[in-house]
Structures are given as C-alpha cells and as structure tokens.
Amino acid sequence: MNQLESRVGGLTVGGKVHSLSAWFVLALRLMMGYAFAYSGFTKITGEFAAGGYLSNVAATNGNPLAGLFAWMGSTPWFVEFANVAVPWGELFIGLGLLVGAFVRLAAFFGALMMLMFYFGNWEVAHGVINGDFAYMLVFLAVAAFAAGRILGLDQYIENYDVGGETLVERYPALEYILG
C-alpha cells in the first residue's frame, strides 16, 4: 500500500493513497502543462502587452498590492521584461510539465506566476479562493508529488550516471528542481 507521511514542526500527518493516485498526479501535471504551454504559445504568436494589465487591473477591489502593480505598469523596463517573461515563461513551464523535465522548478515558477495573477486579478466578492489560487495549489501539488517521475523525463535525468553515481546522488540539490 502506498503511504504518505510528513513531519513539520513536530506535527506528523500521513495517510494511505490509492494506486490510481499516480494517474491523477500525472493528469494534473499534463493539464497544467497544456494550459501553460498553450497560453504562452498564443501570447508569443499573437499580440501580447503586459503594460495595460499591470497598470489597470490592480486598481480595483481594494487589491493589497495595487501600488506594486501600478509601479510595475509604469516602469518601462519592467513592462518590457514582463512582455518577454510572461509568454516565454508560460511556454517553458508548460513544456517542462508536459515532458516531465525539471518539474519542481517549473511548478515553482508556475505557482509564482499564479500567485502574481491571483493578486493581479484580485476579487474577493466570493471569498479569497479563486481559480488562480486553486491553480497555484495544483502547481504546488505537482511539485510535492514529484510528478516528473511519473512517465516523465525527470526519472531518467535523476538516474543519469555520472562517474558511478546517479546525478542526484552526486548533486543532491538537484532533488529540489527535478521530480
């Protein structure tokens, strides 16, 4: 039987998971990979400009980061950075998830982007949980469950032989970006 267990701050949580859980983790990885790759591709091949979004979106609904978004939208170098980073970031995050390579790194940046979208799209009329927040949690789950090891390239990258050791044995820090 598959089991999960984690200890944080003296508190241990755990439980048994069904063998089908791996398929659901894979489905989450592929769903988010497709969504981000598609979104990035359409931004790259179409017209995308972050300036208007950054300048205007956070000024409504009492957004706690309205000042930060206004600064980002009125700072030319940041707008140019966002014009490149958002579409290409989405594409590379999506591709990494689709092929299962560097999944924890991709999921971290995906969660970071969703956190920024969460604050950019701030709307608490129906509570603080919205789709952006939920997608952020999906990215974190994909990272936590090492979804790149499930029919992904991470399982091969981690086990690549380097002088008689696997890549992760030789460079243990890679465990934080692979999996």
Protein backbone atom coordinates (compact mmCIF):
# COMPACT_ATOMS: atom_id res chain seq x y z
CA MET A 1 0.00 0.00 0.00
CA ASN A 2 1.30 3.46 -0.86
CA GLN A 3 1.70 5.77 2.10
CA LEU A 4 2.40 9.44 2.56
CA GLU A 5 3.90 10.91 5.69
CA SER A 6 5.32 14.28 6.56
CA ARG A 7 6.55 15.90 9.75
CA VAL A 8 6.53 19.68 10.09
CA GLY A 9 7.12 21.48 13.37
CA GLY A 10 6.52 18.41 15.49
CA LEU A 11 3.25 17.57 13.75
CA THR A 12 3.09 14.40 11.67
CA VAL A 13 0.44 13.88 9.03
CA GLY A 14 0.04 10.83 6.87
CA GLY A 15 -2.29 8.55 5.09
CA LYS A 16 -2.67 5.77 2.59
CA VAL A 17 -3.12 6.61 -1.07
CA HIS A 18 -4.78 4.53 -3.75
CA SER A 19 -2.60 3.13 -6.52
CA LEU A 20 -4.57 5.21 -9.03
CA SER A 21 -3.23 8.37 -7.37
CA ALA A 22 -0.22 8.37 -9.68
CA TRP A 23 -2.53 8.69 -12.69
CA PHE A 24 -4.29 11.68 -11.13
CA VAL A 25 -0.97 13.38 -10.35
CA LEU A 26 0.06 12.74 -13.96
CA ALA A 27 -3.25 14.18 -15.16
CA LEU A 28 -2.71 17.33 -13.09
CA ARG A 29 0.81 17.73 -14.48
CA LEU A 30 -0.35 17.30 -18.08
CA MET A 31 -3.38 19.56 -17.62
CA MET A 32 -1.29 22.42 -16.22
CA GLY A 33 1.42 21.77 -18.79
CA TYR A 34 -1.01 22.03 -21.67
CA ALA A 35 -2.74 25.10 -20.23
CA PHE A 36 0.53 26.97 -19.74
CA ALA A 37 2.17 25.86 -23.00
CA TYR A 38 -0.94 26.86 -24.95
CA SER A 39 -1.23 30.20 -23.15
CA GLY A 40 2.43 31.01 -23.71
CA PHE A 41 2.33 29.94 -27.36
CA THR A 42 -0.72 32.07 -28.13
CA LYS A 43 0.91 35.08 -26.45
CA ILE A 44 4.15 34.59 -28.40
CA THR A 45 2.42 34.14 -31.77
CA GLY A 46 -0.19 36.84 -31.15
CA GLU A 47 -0.11 40.28 -29.70
CA PHE A 48 0.73 40.47 -26.03
CA ALA A 49 1.43 43.56 -23.97
CA ALA A 50 1.60 43.45 -20.18
CA GLY A 51 1.58 47.21 -19.59
CA GLY A 52 -2.17 47.77 -19.64
CA TYR A 53 -2.84 44.80 -17.39
CA LEU A 54 -0.18 45.82 -14.89
CA SER A 55 -1.30 49.46 -14.83
CA ASN A 56 -5.03 48.95 -14.58
CA VAL A 57 -6.02 45.58 -13.19
CA ALA A 58 -5.00 46.03 -9.57
CA ALA A 59 -6.58 49.44 -9.08
CA THR A 60 -9.99 47.92 -8.35
CA ASN A 61 -11.48 45.93 -5.48
CA GLY A 62 -9.05 47.00 -2.75
CA ASN A 63 -6.12 44.98 -4.02
CA PRO A 64 -3.44 44.91 -1.31
CA LEU A 65 -0.70 45.07 -3.99
CA ALA A 66 -2.27 47.84 -6.10
CA GLY A 67 0.77 50.08 -5.58
CA LEU A 68 3.19 47.37 -6.66
CA PHE A 69 1.19 46.62 -9.81
CA ALA A 70 0.94 50.35 -10.59
CA TRP A 71 4.72 50.63 -10.22
CA MET A 72 5.29 47.60 -12.46
CA GLY A 73 2.93 49.01 -15.11
CA SER A 74 4.55 52.47 -15.08
CA THR A 75 8.16 51.24 -15.15
CA PRO A 76 9.22 50.81 -18.80
CA TRP A 77 11.99 48.29 -18.20
CA PHE A 78 9.68 46.12 -16.09
CA VAL A 79 6.92 46.20 -18.70
CA GLU A 80 9.44 45.13 -21.35
CA PHE A 81 10.66 42.38 -19.03
CA ALA A 82 7.07 41.17 -18.42
CA ASN A 83 6.35 41.28 -22.16
CA VAL A 84 9.06 38.64 -22.62
CA ALA A 85 8.99 36.77 -19.30
CA VAL A 86 5.26 36.05 -19.15
CA PRO A 87 4.75 34.38 -22.56
CA TRP A 88 8.11 32.59 -22.67
CA GLY A 89 7.83 31.64 -19.00
CA GLU A 90 4.39 30.15 -19.58
CA LEU A 91 5.63 28.25 -22.63
CA PHE A 92 8.71 26.81 -20.88
CA ILE A 93 6.78 25.96 -17.71
CA GLY A 94 4.18 24.19 -19.86
CA LEU A 95 6.73 22.27 -21.90
CA GLY A 96 8.63 21.22 -18.78
CA LEU A 97 5.43 19.85 -17.28
CA LEU A 98 4.33 18.14 -20.49
CA VAL A 99 7.58 16.21 -20.90
CA GLY A 100 8.16 15.85 -17.15
CA ALA A 101 11.54 17.59 -17.07
CA PHE A 102 12.63 19.90 -14.24
CA VAL A 103 9.07 19.60 -12.93
CA ARG A 104 9.68 21.01 -9.45
CA LEU A 105 11.42 24.05 -10.92
CA ALA A 106 8.66 24.54 -13.50
CA ALA A 107 5.96 24.05 -10.86
CA PHE A 108 7.64 26.56 -8.54
CA PHE A 109 7.66 29.24 -11.24
CA GLY A 110 4.13 28.28 -12.29
CA ALA A 111 2.96 28.72 -8.70
CA LEU A 112 4.79 32.06 -8.51
CA MET A 113 3.09 33.25 -11.69
CA MET A 114 -0.29 32.12 -10.39
CA LEU A 115 0.35 33.99 -7.14
CA MET A 116 1.00 37.16 -9.13
CA PHE A 117 -2.11 36.52 -11.26
CA TYR A 118 -4.06 35.94 -8.03
CA PHE A 119 -3.13 39.39 -6.76
CA GLY A 120 -3.45 40.96 -10.21
CA ASN A 121 -6.95 39.55 -10.62
CA TRP A 122 -7.88 40.30 -7.02
CA GLU A 123 -11.56 39.64 -6.44
CA VAL A 124 -12.83 38.68 -3.03
CA ALA A 125 -16.55 39.15 -3.58
CA HIS A 126 -16.97 35.35 -3.35
CA GLY A 127 -14.13 34.74 -0.88
CA VAL A 128 -10.37 34.67 -1.11
CA ILE A 129 -10.21 31.39 -3.04
CA ASN A 130 -10.48 31.70 -6.81
CA GLY A 131 -9.20 29.86 -9.88
CA ASP A 132 -5.76 31.47 -9.76
CA PHE A 133 -5.33 30.40 -6.14
CA ALA A 134 -6.53 26.87 -6.95
CA TYR A 135 -4.09 26.59 -9.88
CA MET A 136 -1.28 27.76 -7.61
CA LEU A 137 -2.11 24.88 -5.27
CA VAL A 138 -2.19 22.45 -8.22
CA PHE A 139 1.33 23.53 -9.17
CA LEU A 140 2.49 23.02 -5.58
CA ALA A 141 0.87 19.56 -5.51
CA VAL A 142 2.57 18.62 -8.79
CA ALA A 143 5.91 19.63 -7.26
CA ALA A 144 5.26 17.91 -3.93
CA PHE A 145 4.25 14.62 -5.54
CA ALA A 146 7.34 14.60 -7.80
CA ALA A 147 5.13 14.35 -10.87
CA GLY A 148 8.12 14.38 -13.23
CA ARG A 149 8.97 10.88 -12.11
CA ILE A 150 5.60 9.61 -13.36
CA LEU A 151 6.04 8.95 -17.10
CA GLY A 152 8.38 11.92 -17.28
CA LEU A 153 11.97 12.70 -18.13
CA ASP A 154 12.92 13.56 -14.55
CA GLN A 155 13.16 9.89 -13.63
CA TYR A 156 15.84 9.47 -16.33
CA ILE A 157 17.63 12.74 -15.59
CA GLU A 158 17.85 11.89 -11.88
CA ASN A 159 19.31 8.45 -12.62
CA TYR A 160 21.83 9.63 -15.23
CA ASP A 161 25.20 8.05 -14.40
CA VAL A 162 27.98 10.46 -13.53
CA GLY A 163 31.17 8.63 -12.55
CA GLY A 164 29.37 5.69 -10.94
CA GLU A 165 26.80 7.82 -9.14
CA THR A 166 23.39 8.99 -10.18
CA LEU A 167 23.12 12.69 -10.98
CA VAL A 168 21.06 13.34 -7.84
CA GLU A 169 23.48 11.40 -5.63
CA ARG A 170 26.35 13.47 -6.97
CA TYR A 171 24.43 16.77 -6.82
CA PRO A 172 21.78 16.41 -4.09
CA ALA A 173 20.49 19.97 -4.59
CA LEU A 174 19.05 18.84 -7.95
CA GLU A 175 16.38 16.98 -5.99
CA TYR A 176 14.74 20.37 -5.41
CA ILE A 177 14.30 21.10 -9.12
CA LEU A 178 13.79 17.59 -10.50
CA GLY A 179 10.98 15.22 -9.70
